[in-house]
Protein backbone atom coordinates (compact mmCIF):
# COMPACT_ATOMS: atom_id res chain seq x y z
CA MET A 1 87.38 197.99 80.25
CA PRO A 2 88.06 197.31 76.58
CA VAL A 3 88.70 193.77 75.49
CA ARG A 4 92.16 193.15 74.10
CA LEU A 5 92.49 190.83 71.13
CA SER A 6 95.68 188.82 70.74
CA LEU A 7 97.19 188.65 67.31
CA CYS A 8 97.94 184.97 68.02
CA GLN A 9 94.30 183.97 68.37
CA PRO A 10 93.46 183.83 64.65
CA ARG A 11 96.57 181.79 64.01
CA MET A 12 95.60 179.35 66.82
CA SER A 13 92.07 179.09 65.39
CA ASP A 14 93.45 178.41 61.93
CA GLU A 15 95.71 175.71 63.39
CA LYS A 16 92.77 174.08 65.15
CA ILE A 17 90.73 174.10 61.94
CA ARG A 18 93.63 172.60 60.06
CA ARG A 19 94.06 169.85 62.63
CA GLU A 20 90.36 169.00 62.59
CA ARG A 21 90.30 168.96 58.80
CA ASP A 22 93.33 166.68 58.77
CA LEU A 23 91.69 164.38 61.33
CA TYR A 24 88.48 164.18 59.28
CA ARG A 25 90.43 163.39 56.15
CA ARG A 26 92.39 160.62 57.85
CA LEU A 27 89.23 159.20 59.43
CA LEU A 28 87.55 159.14 56.02
CA ASP A 29 90.53 157.23 54.67
CA LEU A 30 89.68 154.45 57.13
CA ASN A 31 86.44 153.84 55.19
CA ALA A 32 88.48 152.02 52.57
CA GLN A 33 89.57 149.36 55.07
CA ARG A 34 87.77 146.03 54.60
CA GLU A 35 89.29 144.04 57.49
CA LEU A 36 88.54 144.69 61.15
CA GLY A 37 92.02 144.01 62.56
CA PRO A 38 93.86 146.41 60.24
CA LEU A 39 91.12 149.01 60.75
CA LEU A 40 91.63 149.02 64.52
CA ARG A 41 95.41 149.18 64.22
CA GLU A 42 95.31 152.07 61.72
CA ALA A 43 92.66 153.92 63.75
CA LEU A 44 94.64 153.57 66.99
CA ALA A 45 97.87 154.72 65.32
CA LEU A 46 95.98 157.76 64.02
CA ILE A 47 94.58 158.88 67.39
CA VAL A 48 97.88 158.23 69.17
CA ASP A 49 99.64 160.41 66.61
CA VAL A 50 97.08 163.21 66.86
CA THR A 51 97.01 163.34 70.68
CA GLY A 52 100.69 162.56 71.23
CA ALA A 53 99.88 159.75 73.68
CA ARG A 54 102.63 157.42 74.85
CA LEU A 55 100.51 154.26 75.06
CA GLY A 56 97.26 153.37 73.37
CA TYR A 57 94.75 150.56 73.62
CA LEU A 58 91.47 150.05 71.73
CA GLU A 59 88.97 147.26 72.15
CA LEU A 60 85.60 146.34 70.66
CA HIS A 61 82.88 144.13 72.05
CA ASP A 62 80.16 142.21 70.27
CA GLU A 63 77.41 139.89 71.42
CA GLU A 64 79.55 136.82 70.72
CA GLY A 65 82.32 137.94 73.05
CA GLY A 66 80.74 136.67 76.26
CA ALA A 67 82.50 136.90 79.57
CA ASP A 68 85.95 136.20 78.21
CA GLY A 69 86.54 139.82 77.25
CA PRO A 70 86.80 141.65 73.95
CA ARG A 71 87.15 139.66 70.78
CA TRP A 72 88.81 142.53 68.91
CA SER A 73 91.51 144.84 70.19
CA ALA A 74 94.63 146.76 69.19
CA ALA A 75 97.52 148.16 71.23
CA HIS A 76 100.19 150.78 70.55
CA GLY A 77 103.51 151.05 72.36
CA MET A 78 102.99 147.85 74.40
CA THR A 79 104.68 144.47 74.46
CA ASP A 80 102.62 141.28 74.33
CA GLU A 81 103.08 140.81 78.07
CA GLU A 82 101.98 144.40 78.75
CA ILE A 83 98.91 143.92 76.55
CA ALA A 84 97.85 140.79 78.45
CA GLY A 85 98.35 142.55 81.79
CA ALA A 86 96.61 145.68 80.54
CA ARG A 87 93.49 143.80 79.51
CA ALA A 88 93.13 142.27 82.95
CA ALA A 89 93.85 145.57 84.72
CA PHE A 90 91.68 147.70 82.44
CA SER A 91 88.65 145.49 82.96
CA ARG A 92 88.66 146.40 86.64
CA GLY A 93 89.75 150.03 86.31
CA ILE A 94 89.26 153.09 84.18
CA VAL A 95 88.15 151.27 81.04
CA ALA A 96 85.37 149.53 82.96
CA GLU A 97 84.23 152.92 84.25
CA ALA A 98 84.08 154.42 80.75
CA LEU A 99 82.15 151.44 79.38
CA ALA A 100 79.70 151.47 82.29
CA THR A 101 78.95 155.21 82.12
CA GLY A 102 79.41 155.88 78.40
CA GLN A 103 81.32 159.02 79.40
CA THR A 104 84.82 160.17 78.52
CA ILE A 105 87.24 160.07 81.44
CA VAL A 106 90.18 162.45 81.60
CA THR A 107 92.57 162.65 84.54
CA ALA A 108 95.95 164.28 84.95
CA SER A 109 97.07 161.57 87.39
CA ALA A 110 95.05 158.42 87.99
CA VAL A 111 97.18 157.42 90.99
CA SER A 112 96.12 160.59 92.84
CA ASP A 113 92.60 160.92 91.43
CA PRO A 114 90.03 160.16 94.18
CA ARG A 115 87.91 158.33 91.60
CA PHE A 116 90.59 155.75 90.81
CA GLN A 117 93.41 155.91 93.38
CA GLU A 118 91.93 153.09 95.45
CA ARG A 119 91.93 150.70 92.52
CA GLU A 120 94.72 148.17 92.68
CA SER A 121 95.25 148.10 88.91
CA VAL A 122 95.86 151.87 88.89
CA GLN A 123 98.32 151.81 91.78
CA VAL A 124 100.23 148.76 90.51
CA ALA A 125 100.71 150.33 87.08
CA GLY A 126 101.43 153.81 88.49
CA ILE A 127 99.11 155.35 85.91
CA GLU A 128 99.40 159.11 85.44
CA ALA A 129 97.71 161.08 82.62
CA VAL A 130 94.81 159.14 81.08
CA LEU A 131 92.15 159.81 78.47
CA CYS A 132 89.54 157.10 78.07
CA ALA A 133 86.63 157.55 75.62
CA PRO A 134 83.83 155.12 74.72
CA ILE A 135 83.52 154.06 71.10
CA GLY A 136 79.95 154.89 70.10
CA GLY A 137 79.00 157.28 72.93
CA ASP A 138 76.33 156.16 75.40
CA ALA A 139 75.67 152.89 73.54
CA ALA A 140 79.34 151.99 73.70
CA VAL A 141 80.54 149.14 71.50
CA GLY A 142 84.12 149.52 72.71
CA VAL A 143 86.59 151.87 74.33
CA LEU A 144 89.67 153.92 73.49
CA TYR A 145 92.36 154.19 76.20
CA LEU A 146 95.24 156.66 75.91
CA GLN A 147 97.95 157.01 78.53
CA GLY A 148 100.82 159.47 78.89
CA ALA A 149 100.04 162.77 77.18
CA GLY A 150 102.65 164.47 75.01
CA GLY A 151 105.16 166.46 77.06
CA THR A 152 104.69 166.37 80.80
CA GLY A 153 101.16 167.73 81.22
CA PRO A 154 97.69 166.16 81.11
CA PHE A 155 95.56 165.61 78.06
CA SER A 156 93.90 168.84 76.91
CA GLU A 157 90.26 169.63 76.21
CA ASP A 158 91.13 169.57 72.53
CA ASP A 159 92.43 166.02 73.03
CA ARG A 160 89.14 165.10 74.71
CA ALA A 161 87.09 166.55 71.84
CA THR A 162 89.31 164.80 69.30
CA ALA A 163 88.97 161.44 71.07
CA GLU A 164 85.18 161.77 71.27
CA LEU A 165 84.96 162.71 67.59
CA PHE A 166 87.19 159.74 66.81
CA GLY A 167 84.94 157.41 68.84
CA ARG A 168 81.75 158.61 67.14
CA HIS A 169 83.22 158.16 63.67
CA LEU A 170 84.89 154.80 64.36
CA ALA A 171 81.74 153.17 65.78
CA PRO A 172 79.79 152.81 62.49
CA LEU A 173 82.93 151.72 60.62
CA ALA A 174 83.65 149.04 63.19
CA ASP A 175 80.01 147.98 63.36
CA ARG A 176 79.92 147.46 59.59
CA LEU A 177 82.98 145.22 59.72
CA LEU A 178 81.74 143.40 62.83
CA VAL A 179 78.60 142.45 60.92
CA ARG A 180 80.77 141.15 58.08
CA VAL A 181 82.89 139.13 60.53
CA GLN A 182 79.78 137.63 62.10
CA ILE A 183 78.36 136.69 58.71
CA ASP A 184 81.69 135.13 57.69
CA ALA A 185 81.69 133.12 60.95
CA ASP A 186 78.03 132.15 60.56
CA PRO A 187 76.71 132.69 57.02
CA THR A 188 73.25 131.56 58.20
CA ARG A 189 72.97 134.49 60.62
CA PRO A 190 71.08 136.97 58.35
CA LEU A 191 68.82 134.13 57.18
CA ARG A 192 67.99 133.10 60.76
CA GLU A 193 66.87 136.67 61.40
CA LYS A 194 64.43 136.43 58.46
CA LEU A 195 63.15 132.87 58.80
CA ARG A 196 61.40 130.94 61.55
CA LEU A 197 63.93 128.15 62.21
CA ASP A 198 62.99 126.50 65.51
CA GLY A 199 65.39 123.66 66.34
CA VAL A 200 67.31 124.01 63.07
CA VAL A 201 71.05 123.34 63.51
CA GLY A 202 73.82 124.24 61.07
CA ARG A 203 76.12 127.13 60.12
CA SER A 204 78.09 125.75 57.19
CA PRO A 205 78.22 127.53 53.81
CA ALA A 206 76.31 124.63 52.21
CA PHE A 207 73.54 124.89 54.80
CA ALA A 208 73.43 128.67 54.36
CA GLU A 209 72.90 128.17 50.63
CA LEU A 210 70.02 125.79 51.40
CA LEU A 211 68.43 128.40 53.68
CA ARG A 212 68.81 131.02 50.95
CA GLN A 213 66.81 128.77 48.62
CA VAL A 214 64.22 128.24 51.36
CA ALA A 215 63.93 132.00 51.93
CA LEU A 216 63.29 132.42 48.20
CA VAL A 217 60.57 129.78 47.81
CA ALA A 218 58.81 129.91 51.19
CA PRO A 219 56.71 133.08 50.64
CA LEU A 220 55.62 131.98 47.16
CA ASP A 221 52.51 129.82 46.83
CA VAL A 222 54.05 127.46 44.26
CA SER A 223 55.00 123.78 44.15
CA VAL A 224 58.47 122.87 45.37
CA LEU A 225 60.57 119.77 44.69
CA LEU A 226 63.19 118.88 47.31
CA THR A 227 66.04 116.69 46.08
CA GLY A 228 68.97 115.13 47.88
CA GLU A 229 70.24 111.92 49.42
CA SER A 230 68.20 109.88 51.86
CA GLY A 231 68.44 111.05 55.46
CA THR A 232 69.44 114.64 54.72
CA GLY A 233 66.38 116.15 56.42
CA LYS A 234 64.10 116.91 53.49
CA SER A 235 61.01 116.46 55.69
CA GLN A 236 62.30 119.13 58.08
CA ILE A 237 63.02 121.50 55.18
CA ALA A 238 59.47 120.98 53.85
CA ARG A 239 58.11 121.92 57.26
CA ILE A 240 60.33 125.04 57.36
CA ILE A 241 59.00 126.13 53.94
CA HIS A 242 55.44 125.68 55.20
CA ASP A 243 56.10 127.51 58.50
CA ASN A 244 57.55 130.49 56.65
CA GLY A 245 54.95 130.62 53.89
CA PRO A 246 51.48 132.15 53.47
CA ARG A 247 49.81 128.93 54.69
CA ALA A 248 51.74 128.67 57.97
CA ALA A 249 48.57 128.83 60.10
CA ARG A 250 46.95 126.04 58.10
CA PRO A 251 47.54 122.23 58.21
CA PHE A 252 50.80 120.60 57.19
CA VAL A 253 50.00 117.03 56.10
CA ALA A 254 52.75 114.59 55.14
CA ILE A 255 52.49 111.23 53.41
CA ASN A 256 55.33 108.85 52.60
CA CYS A 257 54.59 107.52 49.15
CA ALA A 258 57.03 104.62 49.60
CA ALA A 259 55.50 103.41 52.87
CA LEU A 260 52.08 102.47 51.46
CA PRO A 261 51.11 99.62 49.12
CA GLU A 262 50.20 100.68 45.60
CA ALA A 263 46.59 99.59 46.15
CA LEU A 264 46.15 101.98 49.08
CA ILE A 265 48.11 105.05 48.02
CA GLU A 266 45.27 106.57 45.95
CA SER A 267 42.68 106.19 48.69
CA GLU A 268 45.15 107.58 51.24
CA LEU A 269 45.75 110.61 49.06
CA PHE A 270 42.28 111.31 47.68
CA GLY A 271 39.92 109.45 50.00
CA SER A 272 37.26 106.97 49.04
CA LEU A 273 33.48 106.66 48.89
CA PRO A 274 31.42 103.72 50.16
CA GLY A 275 31.68 100.75 47.80
CA ALA A 276 34.87 102.06 46.14
CA HIS A 277 36.57 98.79 47.14
CA SER A 278 35.83 95.68 49.20
CA THR A 279 36.58 97.29 52.58
CA ALA A 280 35.09 100.75 51.85
CA THR A 281 31.92 100.84 53.99
CA ARG A 282 31.90 104.57 54.64
CA LYS A 283 33.26 107.81 53.21
CA VAL A 284 36.94 108.37 54.06
CA ASP A 285 38.64 111.71 53.53
CA GLY A 286 42.16 111.53 52.15
CA LYS A 287 45.31 113.51 52.89
CA VAL A 288 44.45 116.12 50.24
CA ALA A 289 41.21 116.98 52.06
CA ALA A 290 43.07 117.04 55.39
CA ALA A 291 45.56 119.56 53.95
CA GLU A 292 42.87 121.93 52.64
CA HIS A 293 44.16 125.55 52.64
CA GLY A 294 47.49 124.19 53.89
CA THR A 295 50.43 122.17 52.58
CA LEU A 296 50.53 118.58 51.31
CA PHE A 297 54.00 117.03 51.58
CA LEU A 298 54.63 114.06 49.27
CA ASP A 299 57.75 112.34 50.57
CA GLU A 300 59.49 109.84 48.25
CA VAL A 301 57.28 111.03 45.40
CA GLY A 302 59.33 108.98 42.95
CA ASP A 303 57.68 105.81 44.33
CA LEU A 304 54.16 106.84 43.27
CA SER A 305 52.48 104.50 40.82
CA LEU A 306 51.80 105.86 37.33
CA SER A 307 48.05 105.95 37.96
CA ALA A 308 48.57 107.91 41.19
CA GLN A 309 50.95 110.24 39.36
CA ALA A 310 48.18 111.01 36.85
CA LYS A 311 45.82 112.02 39.67
CA VAL A 312 48.48 114.18 41.36
CA LEU A 313 49.10 115.87 38.00
CA GLN A 314 45.37 116.61 37.71
CA LEU A 315 45.40 118.07 41.24
CA LEU A 316 48.28 120.39 40.36
CA HIS A 317 46.81 121.36 37.00
CA SER A 318 43.12 121.94 37.80
CA HIS A 319 43.12 122.12 41.63
CA GLU A 320 40.55 119.35 41.79
CA TYR A 321 40.52 115.58 42.24
CA PHE A 322 38.21 112.56 42.27
CA PRO A 323 37.95 110.44 45.44
CA LEU A 324 38.27 106.72 44.82
CA GLY A 325 34.86 105.54 43.57
CA GLY A 326 33.66 109.11 42.99
CA THR A 327 32.25 110.62 39.80
CA ARG A 328 32.18 114.29 40.85
CA ALA A 329 35.31 116.41 41.09
CA VAL A 330 36.22 117.93 44.47
CA GLN A 331 37.87 121.33 44.57
CA ALA A 332 41.19 121.51 46.47
CA ASP A 333 43.23 124.43 47.72
CA VAL A 334 46.59 122.98 48.73
CA ARG A 335 50.23 123.76 48.19
CA VAL A 336 52.25 120.69 47.19
CA ILE A 337 55.81 120.12 48.32
CA ALA A 338 57.42 116.91 47.09
CA ALA A 339 60.70 115.23 47.98
CA THR A 340 62.77 112.49 46.40
CA ASN A 341 66.20 110.90 46.69
CA VAL A 342 66.08 109.42 43.20
CA ASP A 343 66.97 110.99 39.87
CA LEU A 344 63.53 111.79 38.47
CA ARG A 345 64.99 112.68 35.06
CA LEU A 346 66.39 109.17 34.83
CA ALA A 347 63.02 107.81 36.01
CA VAL A 348 61.35 109.81 33.22
CA ALA A 349 63.77 108.34 30.68
CA GLU A 350 62.96 104.85 31.98
CA ARG A 351 59.21 105.64 31.82
CA ARG A 352 58.78 105.19 35.57
CA PHE A 353 57.81 108.83 36.15
CA ARG A 354 55.67 111.21 34.15
CA GLN A 355 57.60 114.03 32.53
CA ASP A 356 54.66 116.45 32.74
CA LEU A 357 54.36 115.78 36.49
CA LEU A 358 58.08 116.45 36.93
CA TYR A 359 57.66 119.82 35.24
CA ARG A 360 54.70 120.63 37.48
CA LEU A 361 56.53 119.69 40.68
CA GLN A 362 59.86 121.37 40.08
CA VAL A 363 58.64 124.93 39.60
CA LEU A 364 61.29 125.83 42.16
CA PRO A 365 63.62 122.89 42.91
CA VAL A 366 65.58 122.99 46.17
CA PHE A 367 68.67 120.83 46.70
CA VAL A 368 69.27 119.56 50.25
CA PRO A 369 73.02 118.90 50.75
CA SER A 370 74.40 115.70 52.23
CA LEU A 371 76.25 115.63 55.53
CA ALA A 372 79.51 115.18 53.62
CA GLN A 373 78.82 118.55 51.96
CA ARG A 374 78.18 120.28 55.30
CA ARG A 375 81.00 118.74 57.32
CA ASP A 376 81.33 121.88 59.45
CA ASP A 377 77.90 121.16 60.95
CA VAL A 378 78.63 117.62 62.16
CA ALA A 379 79.93 118.47 65.66
CA GLU A 380 77.12 120.95 66.34
CA LEU A 381 74.54 118.44 65.13
CA ALA A 382 76.03 115.74 67.36
CA GLU A 383 75.81 117.99 70.41
CA PHE A 384 72.21 118.86 69.55
CA PHE A 385 71.22 115.19 69.10
CA CYS A 386 72.92 114.29 72.38
CA ALA A 387 70.91 116.91 74.27
CA GLU A 388 67.72 115.80 72.52
CA ALA A 389 68.35 112.13 73.39
CA CYS A 390 68.90 113.00 77.06
CA ARG A 391 65.69 115.01 77.13
CA ARG A 392 63.58 112.49 75.24
CA HIS A 393 64.72 109.46 77.27
CA LYS A 394 64.93 111.38 80.58
CA LEU A 395 68.64 110.63 80.93
CA PRO A 396 71.09 112.61 83.06
CA THR A 397 72.50 115.57 81.14
CA LEU A 398 75.46 114.36 79.09
CA GLU A 399 77.98 116.19 76.94
CA MET A 400 79.96 114.98 73.98
CA SER A 401 83.66 114.56 74.80
CA TYR A 402 86.27 116.28 72.65
CA ALA A 403 87.40 112.90 71.31
CA ALA A 404 83.82 111.95 70.42
CA LEU A 405 83.28 115.19 68.52
CA ARG A 406 86.51 114.74 66.58
CA ALA A 407 85.48 111.16 65.82
CA VAL A 408 82.06 112.06 64.41
CA GLU A 409 83.70 114.78 62.31
CA SER A 410 86.18 112.34 60.77
CA THR A 411 83.66 109.53 60.17
CA GLU A 412 81.72 109.08 56.95
CA TRP A 413 77.93 109.14 57.37
CA PRO A 414 76.36 107.64 54.23
CA GLY A 415 72.97 107.75 56.00
CA ASN A 416 73.49 111.48 56.56
CA VAL A 417 71.78 113.34 59.42
CA ARG A 418 69.46 110.44 60.23
CA GLN A 419 72.38 108.03 60.71
CA LEU A 420 74.30 110.52 62.83
CA ALA A 421 71.26 111.17 65.02
CA HIS A 422 70.74 107.45 65.66
CA ALA A 423 74.43 106.89 66.44
CA VAL A 424 74.53 109.75 68.94
CA GLU A 425 71.26 108.65 70.53
CA ALA A 426 72.63 105.13 71.01
CA GLY A 427 75.88 106.56 72.37
CA ALA A 428 74.03 108.69 74.92
CA ILE A 429 72.03 105.67 76.10
CA ARG A 430 75.19 103.57 76.47
CA ALA A 431 77.01 106.35 78.33
CA ALA A 432 74.06 106.87 80.70
CA GLY A 433 73.90 103.11 81.29
CA GLU A 434 77.53 103.16 82.43
CA GLY A 435 76.97 106.18 84.63
CA ALA A 436 79.48 108.16 82.54
CA GLN A 437 79.59 111.94 82.60
CA ARG A 438 80.24 112.28 78.88
CA VAL A 439 79.55 110.47 75.64
CA ASP A 440 82.92 109.16 74.47
CA ARG A 441 84.07 107.70 71.19
CA ARG A 442 83.64 104.11 72.37
CA HIS A 443 79.97 104.77 73.16
CA LEU A 444 79.32 105.94 69.61
CA PHE A 445 81.24 103.17 67.83
CA ALA A 446 80.61 100.19 70.06
CA ASP A 447 80.69 97.89 67.02
CA GLY A 448 84.21 98.97 66.06
CA SER A 449 83.10 101.20 63.17
CA GLY A 450 84.71 104.55 62.48
CA VAL A 451 87.80 102.81 61.12
CA PHE A 452 91.06 104.74 60.82
CA SER A 453 91.74 105.98 57.28
CA ALA A 454 95.32 106.55 56.13
CA GLY A 455 96.45 109.35 53.87
CA ALA A 456 96.96 108.43 50.24
CA ASP A 457 100.66 109.32 50.27
CA TRP A 458 101.58 107.86 53.69
CA THR A 459 104.13 105.08 54.09
CA PHE A 460 103.30 102.12 56.33
CA GLN A 461 105.44 103.65 59.10
CA GLU A 462 103.72 107.05 58.83
CA ALA A 463 100.26 105.46 58.83
CA THR A 464 101.19 103.46 61.93
CA ARG A 465 102.49 106.58 63.67
CA GLN A 466 99.36 108.59 62.80
CA PHE A 467 97.12 105.78 64.03
CA GLN A 468 98.99 105.57 67.33
CA ALA A 469 98.86 109.36 67.78
CA GLY A 470 95.15 109.44 67.02
CA LEU A 471 94.38 106.55 69.36
CA LEU A 472 96.41 108.11 72.18
CA ARG A 473 94.78 111.53 71.65
CA ASN A 474 91.29 110.01 71.77
CA VAL A 475 91.97 108.04 74.97
CA LEU A 476 93.61 111.07 76.62
CA GLU A 477 90.51 113.14 75.89
CA GLU A 478 88.16 110.40 77.08
CA CYS A 479 90.13 110.08 80.33
CA ASP A 480 90.41 113.86 80.76
CA TRP A 481 94.19 113.50 80.46
CA ASN A 482 94.46 111.25 83.52
CA VAL A 483 97.71 109.48 82.56
CA ASN A 484 97.22 106.66 85.09
CA GLU A 485 93.84 105.81 83.57
CA VAL A 486 95.22 106.11 80.03
CA ALA A 487 98.07 103.75 80.87
CA GLN A 488 95.61 101.19 82.25
CA ARG A 489 93.30 101.49 79.24
CA LEU A 490 96.14 101.03 76.75
CA GLY A 491 98.16 98.50 78.77
CA LEU A 492 101.21 100.79 78.87
CA GLY A 493 103.49 102.11 81.59
CA ARG A 494 102.96 105.70 82.79
CA SER A 495 106.45 106.75 81.71
CA HIS A 496 105.84 105.31 78.23
CA VAL A 497 102.59 107.27 77.94
CA TYR A 498 104.44 110.47 78.88
CA ASN A 499 107.12 109.69 76.28
CA LEU A 500 104.46 109.11 73.61
CA ILE A 501 102.70 112.38 74.46
CA LYS A 502 106.00 114.22 74.09
CA GLY A 503 107.03 112.30 70.97
CA PHE A 504 103.73 112.94 69.17
CA GLY A 505 103.64 116.57 70.32
CA LEU A 506 100.18 116.22 71.87
CA GLU A 507 98.85 119.11 73.92
CA ARG A 508 95.78 119.37 76.09
CA ARG A 509 93.14 121.62 74.56
């Protein structure tokens, strides 16, 4: 029997080609989008328009999302209340199925489909025609949900193919922007993937810049000078440079140049031979010999005597040194990292530090920021130090209260990370001694420090109001918003506490 060709078929094929070409063009236009939220909204509006769906929902997942659901989503044709209800219902229904299987789901009527009719979320919503496609195929990074096909019928096979094409194209676009979002949230993320940073805490832009400098100097076998205020963690940074450099498997030997008397510093560094001084009865190897093939860390290098500076300069220049009392040079293969909290240029001008040694040390200078310059890291550091104190002193596991975290963030720490670590350690010990469940503000500032600081343009009345609000907020957090306990702590009536909470506009977080 001869096959009959319909004159309409070519026109339908041309229409399909036109639609696909139009879809590709509009998808390519999405490449210009640089923000994730607008991208999802524009993408969802596009697919809803192409398929004629009545409702649309699109969500993306990333590794930071956790169990609380998607961090990024967009909805079309839904109110805020419907979106909230949809998220809860979708997680237990058709969307969950598509994410689990990585397969597109199409049904003309979900309420009568044997696969879904038993699900409460489907029956409650009375869901009819549905098309649900994973974003990214089998390795789904999200899902597209369309409900209510155009007209009265189900979604077509063309709609399925369009949705799958849409999902495959959207996945790399979304992934690119997700990476950007993650880097914006944690600028240290790409550096943590490159560097070995065991136990290193911090995600602030200033700390990220420090890690960028570390990543630059670590693989190079050159001298490094670390500068920055006392207590900023220069010793830890020196160790990170060593651990990520070509000598990582070799010794890391540190010496604090300010902790030793001037008469002993040279023998500590370079060793001594018998008879070199009154107490030298045998050969003693110095720190340079101990660091052979590894790294020698000179902390507080600005406190070296001028004679010791001359010997360090010789070590850097010729890779050899003379032990105290020795007449024959000893070859040395060490990388030198030095640290100081003083202005060595000023020390050079005052003739307390050799200019030629400064030039030798600061081949690649690295600045370590103060805690005031990395304020965003304070709370995370406090939580880390609290956990470390509990582990080191075998205390019950304690957490930092919300009020304590806000207090450490608003307090000045002139001693930088070292001062913060000691304050949190002391607070954890005090809290454990009381049998408390959390480290509160009063445990950290038992001496009454952490004084309230008024704004420069506040009146006396405004400063008083802000102080009262801050005090009440801290005590509420410490008491877990138990108003009876707060009233007792502050010597106020319960009704007055409630009035203050309302008057200051305080809300439980």
